[in-house]
Amino acid sequence: MPKKVLVGRVTGDKQDKTRRVEIARRIRHPLYGKYYSRRMVCHVHDENNESGLGDRVEIIESRPRSKTKRWELVRIVEKSTEVDVAALKAAREQAAHLQEQEDS
């Protein structure tokens, strides 16, 4: 039986070599016909920590690596263009602090 290959978005990258990927899908209600959203959350093994928060990634089914991790990263389909405002602000404050130290 072939392994499943899915495309989803990285929603968690805080763990080392592990990513949390959500696969969103829309389902039609069998009786009323209304469409509603469902999601599947997968924990993915990312050996080189290549992917980041917000990236679209392709994943493939694999042997169980831990209690929750059963998927592997195949490739990054699209890098995220979102900007981390908190990280930018912290870097700017640190640069200003270093500048003050050099001046005195």
Protein backbone atom coordinates (compact mmCIF):
# COMPACT_ATOMS: atom_id res chain seq x y z
CA MET A 1 0.00 0.00 0.00
CA PRO A 2 1.46 3.42 -0.93
CA LYS A 3 2.28 5.94 1.77
CA LYS A 4 0.06 9.01 2.14
CA VAL A 5 1.49 12.33 0.98
CA LEU A 6 -0.16 15.51 2.29
CA VAL A 7 0.44 19.26 2.13
CA GLY A 8 -0.15 21.42 5.21
CA ARG A 9 0.95 24.51 7.10
CA VAL A 10 3.48 24.53 9.97
CA THR A 11 1.80 25.85 13.13
CA GLY A 12 4.46 24.91 15.68
CA ASP A 13 8.26 24.89 15.44
CA LYS A 14 9.36 25.16 19.07
CA GLN A 15 10.59 21.56 19.42
CA ASP A 16 13.91 20.35 18.07
CA LYS A 17 13.54 18.28 14.86
CA THR A 18 9.73 18.24 15.25
CA ARG A 19 7.09 20.39 13.57
CA ARG A 20 3.36 20.62 14.18
CA VAL A 21 1.56 20.68 10.82
CA GLU A 22 -2.14 21.33 10.28
CA ILE A 23 -3.93 20.01 7.22
CA ALA A 24 -7.17 21.95 6.68
CA ARG A 25 -10.04 20.57 4.62
CA ARG A 26 -13.64 21.48 3.84
CA ILE A 27 -16.41 18.89 4.21
CA ARG A 28 -19.95 18.99 2.87
CA HIS A 29 -22.63 18.04 5.40
CA PRO A 30 -24.42 14.92 4.12
CA LEU A 31 -27.95 16.13 4.92
CA TYR A 32 -27.90 19.93 4.83
CA GLY A 33 -25.23 20.47 2.19
CA LYS A 34 -23.45 23.20 4.13
CA TYR A 35 -19.64 23.21 3.94
CA TYR A 36 -17.65 23.35 7.16
CA SER A 37 -13.96 23.21 8.07
CA ARG A 38 -12.07 20.33 9.62
CA ARG A 39 -8.37 20.01 10.36
CA MET A 40 -5.93 17.24 11.06
CA VAL A 41 -2.85 17.87 13.19
CA CYS A 42 0.32 15.88 12.44
CA HIS A 43 3.65 15.88 14.24
CA VAL A 44 6.37 15.77 11.60
CA HIS A 45 10.04 14.79 11.82
CA ASP A 46 12.25 17.58 10.38
CA GLU A 47 15.84 16.30 10.65
CA ASN A 48 17.62 19.57 9.78
CA ASN A 49 15.11 22.03 11.29
CA GLU A 50 14.57 23.49 7.80
CA SER A 51 10.94 24.54 8.07
CA GLY A 52 9.60 27.45 10.07
CA LEU A 53 6.34 28.81 11.37
CA GLY A 54 3.81 29.45 8.58
CA ASP A 55 5.61 27.45 5.86
CA ARG A 56 3.62 25.18 3.53
CA VAL A 57 5.22 21.75 3.61
CA GLU A 58 4.77 18.36 1.96
CA ILE A 59 4.83 15.43 4.38
CA ILE A 60 4.80 11.65 3.97
CA GLU A 61 3.71 8.82 6.23
CA SER A 62 6.54 7.01 8.03
CA ARG A 63 7.25 4.53 10.77
CA PRO A 64 6.39 5.74 14.30
CA ARG A 65 9.30 7.77 15.68
CA SER A 66 7.64 8.60 19.01
CA LYS A 67 4.25 8.50 20.71
CA THR A 68 2.81 11.17 18.39
CA LYS A 69 5.30 11.52 15.52
CA ARG A 70 4.40 9.43 12.45
CA TRP A 71 5.20 11.75 9.53
CA GLU A 72 8.38 12.99 7.82
CA LEU A 73 9.10 16.23 5.99
CA VAL A 74 9.54 15.73 2.23
CA ARG A 75 10.05 19.33 1.08
CA ILE A 76 9.08 22.91 1.76
CA VAL A 77 6.51 23.94 -0.84
CA GLU A 78 6.42 27.64 0.10
CA LYS A 79 8.33 29.67 2.68
CA SER A 80 6.34 31.95 4.95
CA THR A 81 6.41 35.69 4.25
CA GLU A 82 5.03 36.65 7.66
CA VAL A 83 7.23 38.92 9.76
CA ASP A 84 7.76 38.23 13.46
CA VAL A 85 7.17 41.69 14.94
CA ALA A 86 8.25 40.72 18.46
CA ALA A 87 11.60 39.39 17.20
CA LEU A 88 12.20 42.55 15.16
CA LYS A 89 11.43 44.74 18.16
CA ALA A 90 13.76 42.73 20.42
CA ALA A 91 16.57 42.92 17.84
CA ARG A 92 16.10 46.69 17.49
CA GLU A 93 16.22 47.15 21.29
CA GLN A 94 19.35 45.02 21.55
CA ALA A 95 21.05 47.02 18.78
CA ALA A 96 20.17 50.27 20.57
CA HIS A 97 21.55 48.87 23.84
CA LEU A 98 24.82 47.87 22.15
CA GLN A 99 25.06 51.32 20.55
CA GLU A 100 24.67 52.96 23.99
CA GLN A 101 27.48 50.78 25.37
CA GLU A 102 29.81 51.75 22.55
CA ASP A 103 29.07 55.47 23.02
CA SER A 104 29.89 55.45 26.73
